[in-house]
C-alpha cells in the first residue's frame, strides 16, 4: 500500500473518529440541560437516538468513501500509467467515490435539522 493511500485512509479514519467524538459530546448535552432546568423540545431519548444516527451516517459514509477512493484511486493510477489520456475520465470516478462522504454528511445535517 502506498504512503499516500495510507495517509488518506488515516485522515478519513481520524475524521470519522472526530465525528464520533462530537456526536458523543452532543449526547451528553440534553441530559445536562435537563438537569439544569432548561426546557427541551422533545424527549431526550429521541434526541439522543437522532444524534447517534447522525454520527453513524457521517462516520460510516466517511469510512466507505475512504475504501472506495482507495480502490478506484489505485485502479485509476494503474490505468493512467498505461494510457495517460484517460486521466479526465478516471478523475470523475474517484470524485464519485468521494461523493459518498458528502452524501452521508448531508444526511446527518438533515437529521440534526429535524431534531432542532
C-alpha atoms as a PDB file:
ATOM      1  CA  UNK A   1       0.000   0.000   0.000  1.00  0.00           C
ATOM      2  CA  UNK A   2       1.413   3.387  -0.971  1.00  0.00           C
ATOM      3  CA  UNK A   3       2.204   6.104   1.528  1.00  0.00           C
ATOM      4  CA  UNK A   4      -0.366   8.482   0.068  1.00  0.00           C
ATOM      5  CA  UNK A   5      -3.102   5.846   0.246  1.00  0.00           C
ATOM      6  CA  UNK A   6      -2.299   5.070   3.872  1.00  0.00           C
ATOM      7  CA  UNK A   7      -2.295   8.783   4.634  1.00  0.00           C
ATOM      8  CA  UNK A   8      -5.707   9.330   3.041  1.00  0.00           C
ATOM      9  CA  UNK A   9      -7.205   6.326   4.824  1.00  0.00           C
ATOM     10  CA  UNK A  10      -5.704   7.534   8.099  1.00  0.00           C
ATOM     11  CA  UNK A  11      -7.137  11.011   7.560  1.00  0.00           C
ATOM     12  CA  UNK A  12     -10.585   9.573   6.886  1.00  0.00           C
ATOM     13  CA  UNK A  13     -10.453   7.373   9.979  1.00  0.00           C
ATOM     14  CA  UNK A  14      -9.413  10.372  12.095  1.00  0.00           C
ATOM     15  CA  UNK A  15     -12.281  12.414  10.611  1.00  0.00           C
ATOM     16  CA  UNK A  16     -14.733   9.608  11.394  1.00  0.00           C
ATOM     17  CA  UNK A  17     -13.439   9.360  14.963  1.00  0.00           C
ATOM     18  CA  UNK A  18     -13.748  13.120  15.399  1.00  0.00           C
ATOM     19  CA  UNK A  19     -17.332  12.959  14.127  1.00  0.00           C
ATOM     20  CA  UNK A  20     -17.998  10.186  16.638  1.00  0.00           C
ATOM     21  CA  UNK A  21     -16.438  12.226  19.428  1.00  0.00           C
ATOM     22  CA  UNK A  22     -18.541  15.275  18.609  1.00  0.00           C
ATOM     23  CA  UNK A  23     -21.610  13.072  18.467  1.00  0.00           C
ATOM     24  CA  UNK A  24     -20.759  11.581  21.844  1.00  0.00           C
ATOM     25  CA  UNK A  25     -20.420  15.071  23.298  1.00  0.00           C
ATOM     26  CA  UNK A  26     -23.768  16.035  21.831  1.00  0.00           C
ATOM     27  CA  UNK A  27     -25.321  13.014  23.521  1.00  0.00           C
ATOM     28  CA  UNK A  28     -24.243  14.406  26.888  1.00  0.00           C
ATOM     29  CA  UNK A  29     -25.747  17.876  26.352  1.00  0.00           C
ATOM     30  CA  UNK A  30     -29.516  17.070  26.583  1.00  0.00           C
ATOM     31  CA  UNK A  31     -29.357  15.276  29.965  1.00  0.00           C
ATOM     32  CA  UNK A  32     -27.126  18.043  31.327  1.00  0.00           C
ATOM     33  CA  UNK A  33     -29.547  20.681  30.030  1.00  0.00           C
ATOM     34  CA  UNK A  34     -32.497  18.800  31.544  1.00  0.00           C
ATOM     35  CA  UNK A  35     -30.757  18.671  34.914  1.00  0.00           C
ATOM     36  CA  UNK A  36     -30.014  22.389  34.694  1.00  0.00           C
ATOM     37  CA  UNK A  37     -33.726  23.085  34.196  1.00  0.00           C
ATOM     38  CA  UNK A  38     -33.648  24.030  30.518  1.00  0.00           C
ATOM     39  CA  UNK A  39     -36.732  23.087  28.532  1.00  0.00           C
ATOM     40  CA  UNK A  40     -36.204  20.504  25.816  1.00  0.00           C
ATOM     41  CA  UNK A  41     -38.488  20.498  22.796  1.00  0.00           C
ATOM     42  CA  UNK A  42     -38.529  16.691  22.573  1.00  0.00           C
ATOM     43  CA  UNK A  43     -37.743  13.759  24.841  1.00  0.00           C
ATOM     44  CA  UNK A  44     -34.055  13.233  25.481  1.00  0.00           C
ATOM     45  CA  UNK A  45     -34.212   9.638  24.206  1.00  0.00           C
ATOM     46  CA  UNK A  46     -35.441  10.720  20.782  1.00  0.00           C
ATOM     47  CA  UNK A  47     -32.779  13.414  20.601  1.00  0.00           C
ATOM     48  CA  UNK A  48     -30.032  11.007  21.612  1.00  0.00           C
ATOM     49  CA  UNK A  49     -31.050   8.366  19.070  1.00  0.00           C
ATOM     50  CA  UNK A  50     -31.205  11.037  16.384  1.00  0.00           C
ATOM     51  CA  UNK A  51     -27.680  12.155  17.224  1.00  0.00           C
ATOM     52  CA  UNK A  52     -26.442   8.564  17.211  1.00  0.00           C
ATOM     53  CA  UNK A  53     -27.940   8.122  13.727  1.00  0.00           C
ATOM     54  CA  UNK A  54     -26.318  11.353  12.537  1.00  0.00           C
ATOM     55  CA  UNK A  55     -22.933  10.281  13.899  1.00  0.00           C
ATOM     56  CA  UNK A  56     -23.135   6.877  12.277  1.00  0.00           C
ATOM     57  CA  UNK A  57     -24.265   8.362   8.965  1.00  0.00           C
ATOM     58  CA  UNK A  58     -21.182  10.580   8.888  1.00  0.00           C
ATOM     59  CA  UNK A  59     -18.722   8.018  10.227  1.00  0.00           C
ATOM     60  CA  UNK A  60     -19.807   5.070   8.092  1.00  0.00           C
ATOM     61  CA  UNK A  61     -20.027   7.139   4.920  1.00  0.00           C
ATOM     62  CA  UNK A  62     -16.545   8.554   5.561  1.00  0.00           C
ATOM     63  CA  UNK A  63     -15.031   5.113   6.018  1.00  0.00           C
ATOM     64  CA  UNK A  64     -16.904   3.802   2.951  1.00  0.00           C
ATOM     65  CA  UNK A  65     -15.670   6.755   0.903  1.00  0.00           C
ATOM     66  CA  UNK A  66     -12.098   6.099   2.015  1.00  0.00           C
ATOM     67  CA  UNK A  67     -12.381   2.486   0.924  1.00  0.00           C
ATOM     68  CA  UNK A  68     -13.963   3.429  -2.407  1.00  0.00           C
ATOM     69  CA  UNK A  69     -11.361   6.114  -3.125  1.00  0.00           C
ATOM     70  CA  UNK A  70      -8.589   3.680  -2.217  1.00  0.00           C
ATOM     71  CA  UNK A  71      -9.848   1.064  -4.661  1.00  0.00           C
ATOM     72  CA  UNK A  72     -10.755   3.407  -7.516  1.00  0.00           C
ATOM     73  CA  UNK A  73      -7.688   5.572  -6.989  1.00  0.00           C
ATOM     74  CA  UNK A  74      -5.261   2.679  -7.210  1.00  0.00           C
ATOM     75  CA  UNK A  75      -7.024   1.335 -10.299  1.00  0.00           C
ATOM     76  CA  UNK A  76      -7.007   4.809 -11.838  1.00  0.00           C
ATOM     77  CA  UNK A  77      -3.280   5.224 -11.235  1.00  0.00           C
ATOM     78  CA  UNK A  78      -2.628   1.876 -12.898  1.00  0.00           C
ATOM     79  CA  UNK A  79      -4.741   2.827 -15.899  1.00  0.00           C
ATOM     80  CA  UNK A  80      -3.128   6.273 -16.198  1.00  0.00           C
ATOM     81  CA  UNK A  81       0.306   4.653 -16.172  1.00  0.00           C
ATOM     82  CA  UNK A  82      -0.671   2.719 -19.298  1.00  0.00           C
ATOM     83  CA  UNK A  83      -2.838   5.367 -21.032  1.00  0.00           C
ATOM     84  CA  UNK A  84      -2.294   8.936 -19.784  1.00  0.00           C
ATOM     85  CA  UNK A  85      -5.168  10.274 -21.921  1.00  0.00           C
ATOM     86  CA  UNK A  86      -7.681   8.571 -19.568  1.00  0.00           C
ATOM     87  CA  UNK A  87      -6.895  10.995 -16.747  1.00  0.00           C
ATOM     88  CA  UNK A  88     -10.008  13.152 -17.164  1.00  0.00           C
ATOM     89  CA  UNK A  89     -12.384  10.196 -17.175  1.00  0.00           C
ATOM     90  CA  UNK A  90     -10.779   8.499 -14.210  1.00  0.00           C
ATOM     91  CA  UNK A  91     -10.802  11.610 -12.039  1.00  0.00           C
ATOM     92  CA  UNK A  92     -14.596  11.584 -12.367  1.00  0.00           C
ATOM     93  CA  UNK A  93     -14.755   8.054 -10.949  1.00  0.00           C
ATOM     94  CA  UNK A  94     -12.596   8.983  -7.969  1.00  0.00           C
ATOM     95  CA  UNK A  95     -14.755  12.078  -7.402  1.00  0.00           C
ATOM     96  CA  UNK A  96     -17.910   9.973  -7.451  1.00  0.00           C
ATOM     97  CA  UNK A  97     -16.402   7.676  -4.855  1.00  0.00           C
ATOM     98  CA  UNK A  98     -15.607  10.680  -2.680  1.00  0.00           C
ATOM     99  CA  UNK A  99     -19.174  11.874  -3.028  1.00  0.00           C
ATOM    100  CA  UNK A 100     -20.247   9.066  -0.693  1.00  0.00           C
ATOM    101  CA  UNK A 101     -18.855  11.012   2.266  1.00  0.00           C
ATOM    102  CA  UNK A 102     -20.671  14.162   1.178  1.00  0.00           C
ATOM    103  CA  UNK A 103     -23.969  12.273   0.942  1.00  0.00           C
ATOM    104  CA  UNK A 104     -23.511  10.937   4.474  1.00  0.00           C
ATOM    105  CA  UNK A 105     -22.756  14.438   5.736  1.00  0.00           C
ATOM    106  CA  UNK A 106     -25.903  15.774   4.056  1.00  0.00           C
ATOM    107  CA  UNK A 107     -27.978  13.017   5.660  1.00  0.00           C
ATOM    108  CA  UNK A 108     -26.591  13.852   9.099  1.00  0.00           C
ATOM    109  CA  UNK A 109     -27.297  17.554   8.588  1.00  0.00           C
ATOM    110  CA  UNK A 110     -30.884  16.693   7.650  1.00  0.00           C
ATOM    111  CA  UNK A 111     -31.241  14.513  10.751  1.00  0.00           C
ATOM    112  CA  UNK A 112     -29.873  17.227  13.015  1.00  0.00           C
ATOM    113  CA  UNK A 113     -32.140  19.858  11.424  1.00  0.00           C
ATOM    114  CA  UNK A 114     -35.109  17.591  12.020  1.00  0.00           C
ATOM    115  CA  UNK A 115     -34.183  17.282  15.700  1.00  0.00           C
ATOM    116  CA  UNK A 116     -33.960  21.025  16.332  1.00  0.00           C
END
